[in-house]
Amino acid sequence: TDETLIGSFTVPANTLKVGDVLKIRFQGIATATNGADTLTVKLYIGGLTGTALLTGTATDVANSNIFAGECLVVIRTIGANGTFVAVGTHTDVPAAGGTAAHDITEITASTAIDTTADQVVGVGADWSAASAGNSCRLDIMTVERLRKAA
């Protein structure tokens, strides 16, 4: 019942530049479920203690339900007091394969980021109840850095 990163990528310190865009995509599945236990999925920058970019709704899931999302993060300023903005879409968990639609849009207004430190981009998962019958996995996670044109 403690949120855990089920997939992550570390953007090394001092590599982000003004105008860089991080294009993040992910997809996973609830592989096994127990009763009416709910699953919440979130996308973070800065790890579990950082900024949640996309936040799913705690949802009662069934075996093989999927979750997915994509997000664009734009670096506005760099340094220990850097800033970014973001926009993304995601699905909540209860969707059978081939039926999910990105229908929830989230916007992150200008937010602090320390580009002089490593930044963990990760997908977190949190079950509402502890049960050996609950499991999920992250099948796909990509983080692309697009450079600003000169």
C-alpha atoms as a PDB file:
ATOM      1  CA  THR A   1       0.000   0.000   0.000  1.00  0.00           C
ATOM      2  CA  ASP A   2       3.065   2.261  -0.148  1.00  0.00           C
ATOM      3  CA  GLU A   3       3.448   3.941  -3.513  1.00  0.00           C
ATOM      4  CA  THR A   4       6.388   2.518  -5.458  1.00  0.00           C
ATOM      5  CA  LEU A   5       8.068   3.530  -8.693  1.00  0.00           C
ATOM      6  CA  ILE A   6       7.451   0.670 -11.121  1.00  0.00           C
ATOM      7  CA  GLY A   7       9.657   2.230 -13.777  1.00  0.00           C
ATOM      8  CA  SER A   8      12.042   5.141 -13.944  1.00  0.00           C
ATOM      9  CA  PHE A   9      14.680   6.957 -15.972  1.00  0.00           C
ATOM     10  CA  THR A  10      17.251   9.384 -14.610  1.00  0.00           C
ATOM     11  CA  VAL A  11      17.986  12.609 -16.476  1.00  0.00           C
ATOM     12  CA  PRO A  12      21.602  13.387 -15.488  1.00  0.00           C
ATOM     13  CA  ALA A  13      22.426  16.612 -13.668  1.00  0.00           C
ATOM     14  CA  ASN A  14      23.409  19.633 -15.779  1.00  0.00           C
ATOM     15  CA  THR A  15      22.201  18.129 -19.072  1.00  0.00           C
ATOM     16  CA  LEU A  16      18.901  19.982 -19.462  1.00  0.00           C
ATOM     17  CA  LYS A  17      18.995  23.229 -21.424  1.00  0.00           C
ATOM     18  CA  VAL A  18      16.491  26.079 -21.784  1.00  0.00           C
ATOM     19  CA  GLY A  19      13.908  25.040 -24.368  1.00  0.00           C
ATOM     20  CA  ASP A  20      14.534  21.299 -24.045  1.00  0.00           C
ATOM     21  CA  VAL A  21      11.385  19.180 -24.231  1.00  0.00           C
ATOM     22  CA  LEU A  22      11.074  15.847 -22.456  1.00  0.00           C
ATOM     23  CA  LYS A  23       8.555  13.634 -24.254  1.00  0.00           C
ATOM     24  CA  ILE A  24       7.465  10.890 -21.851  1.00  0.00           C
ATOM     25  CA  ARG A  25       5.245   7.935 -22.733  1.00  0.00           C
ATOM     26  CA  PHE A  26       4.246   4.930 -20.653  1.00  0.00           C
ATOM     27  CA  GLN A  27       1.912   1.925 -20.661  1.00  0.00           C
ATOM     28  CA  GLY A  28       1.304  -0.802 -18.127  1.00  0.00           C
ATOM     29  CA  ILE A  29      -1.155  -3.417 -17.018  1.00  0.00           C
ATOM     30  CA  ALA A  30      -2.813  -4.675 -13.839  1.00  0.00           C
ATOM     31  CA  THR A  31      -1.630  -8.272 -14.116  1.00  0.00           C
ATOM     32  CA  ALA A  32      -3.580  -9.616 -11.138  1.00  0.00           C
ATOM     33  CA  THR A  33      -6.199  -8.014  -8.890  1.00  0.00           C
ATOM     34  CA  ASN A  34      -7.932  -8.792  -5.614  1.00  0.00           C
ATOM     35  CA  GLY A  35     -11.571  -7.979  -4.898  1.00  0.00           C
ATOM     36  CA  ALA A  36     -12.433  -4.278  -4.993  1.00  0.00           C
ATOM     37  CA  ASP A  37      -8.882  -3.050  -4.300  1.00  0.00           C
ATOM     38  CA  THR A  38      -8.077   0.127  -6.202  1.00  0.00           C
ATOM     39  CA  LEU A  39      -4.938   1.129  -8.095  1.00  0.00           C
ATOM     40  CA  THR A  40      -3.628   4.680  -8.505  1.00  0.00           C
ATOM     41  CA  VAL A  41      -0.977   5.440 -11.133  1.00  0.00           C
ATOM     42  CA  LYS A  42       1.054   8.676 -11.320  1.00  0.00           C
ATOM     43  CA  LEU A  43       3.825  10.093 -13.500  1.00  0.00           C
ATOM     44  CA  TYR A  44       6.510  12.075 -11.665  1.00  0.00           C
ATOM     45  CA  ILE A  45       9.525  14.217 -12.347  1.00  0.00           C
ATOM     46  CA  GLY A  46      11.850  14.317  -9.359  1.00  0.00           C
ATOM     47  CA  GLY A  47      10.870  10.854  -8.115  1.00  0.00           C
ATOM     48  CA  LEU A  48       8.108  10.108  -5.619  1.00  0.00           C
ATOM     49  CA  THR A  49       8.918  13.270  -3.661  1.00  0.00           C
ATOM     50  CA  GLY A  50       8.967  15.424  -6.797  1.00  0.00           C
ATOM     51  CA  THR A  51       6.163  16.849  -8.929  1.00  0.00           C
ATOM     52  CA  ALA A  52       3.274  14.633 -10.068  1.00  0.00           C
ATOM     53  CA  LEU A  53       2.742  15.432 -13.752  1.00  0.00           C
ATOM     54  CA  LEU A  54      -0.178  13.051 -14.316  1.00  0.00           C
ATOM     55  CA  THR A  55      -2.364  11.634 -11.545  1.00  0.00           C
ATOM     56  CA  GLY A  56      -4.773   8.792 -12.164  1.00  0.00           C
ATOM     57  CA  THR A  57      -7.931   8.257 -10.152  1.00  0.00           C
ATOM     58  CA  ALA A  58      -7.930   5.422  -7.602  1.00  0.00           C
ATOM     59  CA  THR A  59      -9.896   2.862  -9.562  1.00  0.00           C
ATOM     60  CA  ASP A  60     -11.220  -0.647  -8.930  1.00  0.00           C
ATOM     61  CA  VAL A  61      -9.360  -2.705 -11.495  1.00  0.00           C
ATOM     62  CA  ALA A  62      -9.781  -6.103 -13.079  1.00  0.00           C
ATOM     63  CA  ASN A  63      -7.144  -8.473 -14.391  1.00  0.00           C
ATOM     64  CA  SER A  64      -5.556  -7.208 -17.621  1.00  0.00           C
ATOM     65  CA  ASN A  65      -6.841  -3.617 -17.312  1.00  0.00           C
ATOM     66  CA  ILE A  66      -4.296  -1.195 -18.740  1.00  0.00           C
ATOM     67  CA  PHE A  67      -3.062   2.298 -17.985  1.00  0.00           C
ATOM     68  CA  ALA A  68      -1.186   4.665 -20.283  1.00  0.00           C
ATOM     69  CA  GLY A  69      -0.069   8.249 -20.569  1.00  0.00           C
ATOM     70  CA  GLU A  70       2.079  10.760 -22.379  1.00  0.00           C
ATOM     71  CA  CYS A  71       3.457  14.089 -21.243  1.00  0.00           C
ATOM     72  CA  LEU A  72       5.533  16.953 -22.635  1.00  0.00           C
ATOM     73  CA  VAL A  73       7.788  18.805 -20.184  1.00  0.00           C
ATOM     74  CA  VAL A  74       9.345  22.067 -21.397  1.00  0.00           C
ATOM     75  CA  ILE A  75      12.368  23.451 -19.544  1.00  0.00           C
ATOM     76  CA  ARG A  76      11.912  27.207 -19.132  1.00  0.00           C
ATOM     77  CA  THR A  77      14.966  28.088 -17.015  1.00  0.00           C
ATOM     78  CA  ILE A  78      17.918  26.074 -15.703  1.00  0.00           C
ATOM     79  CA  GLY A  79      20.035  25.951 -12.576  1.00  0.00           C
ATOM     80  CA  ALA A  80      19.240  25.236  -8.933  1.00  0.00           C
ATOM     81  CA  ASN A  81      16.149  27.445  -9.325  1.00  0.00           C
ATOM     82  CA  GLY A  82      15.119  26.221 -12.781  1.00  0.00           C
ATOM     83  CA  THR A  83      11.510  25.999 -13.953  1.00  0.00           C
ATOM     84  CA  PHE A  84       9.374  23.879 -16.282  1.00  0.00           C
ATOM     85  CA  VAL A  85       5.827  23.640 -17.592  1.00  0.00           C
ATOM     86  CA  ALA A  86       4.071  20.466 -18.707  1.00  0.00           C
ATOM     87  CA  VAL A  87       0.983  19.104 -20.424  1.00  0.00           C
ATOM     88  CA  GLY A  88      -0.118  15.516 -20.744  1.00  0.00           C
ATOM     89  CA  THR A  89      -2.934  13.045 -21.221  1.00  0.00           C
ATOM     90  CA  HIS A  90      -3.581   9.689 -19.613  1.00  0.00           C
ATOM     91  CA  THR A  91      -6.114   6.962 -19.095  1.00  0.00           C
ATOM     92  CA  ASP A  92      -7.352   5.686 -15.804  1.00  0.00           C
ATOM     93  CA  VAL A  93      -6.727   2.008 -15.250  1.00  0.00           C
ATOM     94  CA  PRO A  94     -10.018   0.277 -16.136  1.00  0.00           C
ATOM     95  CA  ALA A  95      -9.633  -0.297 -19.830  1.00  0.00           C
ATOM     96  CA  ALA A  96      -9.252  -3.576 -21.652  1.00  0.00           C
ATOM     97  CA  GLY A  97      -6.507  -3.830 -24.235  1.00  0.00           C
ATOM     98  CA  GLY A  98      -7.380  -1.862 -27.373  1.00  0.00           C
ATOM     99  CA  THR A  99     -10.156   0.124 -25.696  1.00  0.00           C
ATOM    100  CA  ALA A 100      -8.265   2.804 -23.754  1.00  0.00           C
ATOM    101  CA  ALA A 101      -8.608   6.414 -24.850  1.00  0.00           C
ATOM    102  CA  HIS A 102      -6.444   9.260 -23.596  1.00  0.00           C
ATOM    103  CA  ASP A 103      -9.202  11.361 -22.190  1.00  0.00           C
ATOM    104  CA  ILE A 104      -7.780  13.111 -19.142  1.00  0.00           C
ATOM    105  CA  THR A 105      -5.621  16.177 -19.788  1.00  0.00           C
ATOM    106  CA  GLU A 106      -3.470  17.727 -17.080  1.00  0.00           C
ATOM    107  CA  ILE A 107      -1.444  20.933 -17.209  1.00  0.00           C
ATOM    108  CA  THR A 108       1.410  21.771 -14.851  1.00  0.00           C
ATOM    109  CA  ALA A 109       1.954  25.520 -14.514  1.00  0.00           C
ATOM    110  CA  SER A 110       5.465  26.903 -14.060  1.00  0.00           C
ATOM    111  CA  THR A 111       7.086  24.716 -11.413  1.00  0.00           C
ATOM    112  CA  ALA A 112      10.535  24.601  -9.811  1.00  0.00           C
ATOM    113  CA  ILE A 113      13.140  22.067 -10.938  1.00  0.00           C
ATOM    114  CA  ASP A 114      16.805  21.831  -9.947  1.00  0.00           C
ATOM    115  CA  THR A 115      18.564  21.034 -13.215  1.00  0.00           C
ATOM    116  CA  THR A 116      21.915  20.866 -11.381  1.00  0.00           C
ATOM    117  CA  ALA A 117      20.726  17.601  -9.762  1.00  0.00           C
ATOM    118  CA  ASP A 118      19.741  14.261 -11.298  1.00  0.00           C
ATOM    119  CA  GLN A 119      16.004  14.202 -12.073  1.00  0.00           C
ATOM    120  CA  VAL A 120      14.160  10.877 -11.853  1.00  0.00           C
ATOM    121  CA  VAL A 121      11.239  10.538 -14.254  1.00  0.00           C
ATOM    122  CA  GLY A 122       9.101   7.692 -12.974  1.00  0.00           C
ATOM    123  CA  VAL A 123       5.733   5.989 -12.918  1.00  0.00           C
ATOM    124  CA  GLY A 124       4.362   5.270  -9.455  1.00  0.00           C
ATOM    125  CA  ALA A 125       1.736   2.700  -8.516  1.00  0.00           C
ATOM    126  CA  ASP A 126      -0.218   2.493  -5.259  1.00  0.00           C
ATOM    127  CA  TRP A 127      -2.705  -0.206  -4.252  1.00  0.00           C
ATOM    128  CA  SER A 128      -5.428   0.622  -1.730  1.00  0.00           C
ATOM    129  CA  ALA A 129      -4.947  -2.646   0.154  1.00  0.00           C
ATOM    130  CA  ALA A 130      -2.057  -5.005   0.744  1.00  0.00           C
ATOM    131  CA  SER A 131      -2.679  -8.320  -0.990  1.00  0.00           C
ATOM    132  CA  ALA A 132      -0.421 -10.891  -2.606  1.00  0.00           C
ATOM    133  CA  GLY A 133      -3.171 -11.020  -5.259  1.00  0.00           C
ATOM    134  CA  ASN A 134      -2.463  -7.455  -6.441  1.00  0.00           C
ATOM    135  CA  SER A 135       0.202  -6.870  -9.069  1.00  0.00           C
ATOM    136  CA  CYS A 136       0.868  -4.542 -11.950  1.00  0.00           C
ATOM    137  CA  ARG A 137       3.764  -3.909 -14.280  1.00  0.00           C
ATOM    138  CA  LEU A 138       5.048  -1.188 -16.527  1.00  0.00           C
ATOM    139  CA  ASP A 139       5.532  -2.582 -20.038  1.00  0.00           C
ATOM    140  CA  ILE A 140       6.680   0.549 -21.854  1.00  0.00           C
ATOM    141  CA  MET A 141       8.332   3.760 -20.732  1.00  0.00           C
ATOM    142  CA  THR A 142      10.201   6.115 -23.014  1.00  0.00           C
ATOM    143  CA  VAL A 143      11.788   9.456 -22.227  1.00  0.00           C
ATOM    144  CA  GLU A 144      12.981  11.430 -25.243  1.00  0.00           C
ATOM    145  CA  ARG A 145      14.823  14.729 -24.972  1.00  0.00           C
ATOM    146  CA  LEU A 146      14.131  17.022 -27.887  1.00  0.00           C
ATOM    147  CA  ARG A 147      16.590  19.883 -28.236  1.00  0.00           C
ATOM    148  CA  LYS A 148      15.521  23.405 -28.981  1.00  0.00           C
ATOM    149  CA  ALA A 149      16.386  24.406 -32.537  1.00  0.00           C
ATOM    150  CA  ALA A 150      19.400  26.695 -32.749  1.00  0.00           C
END
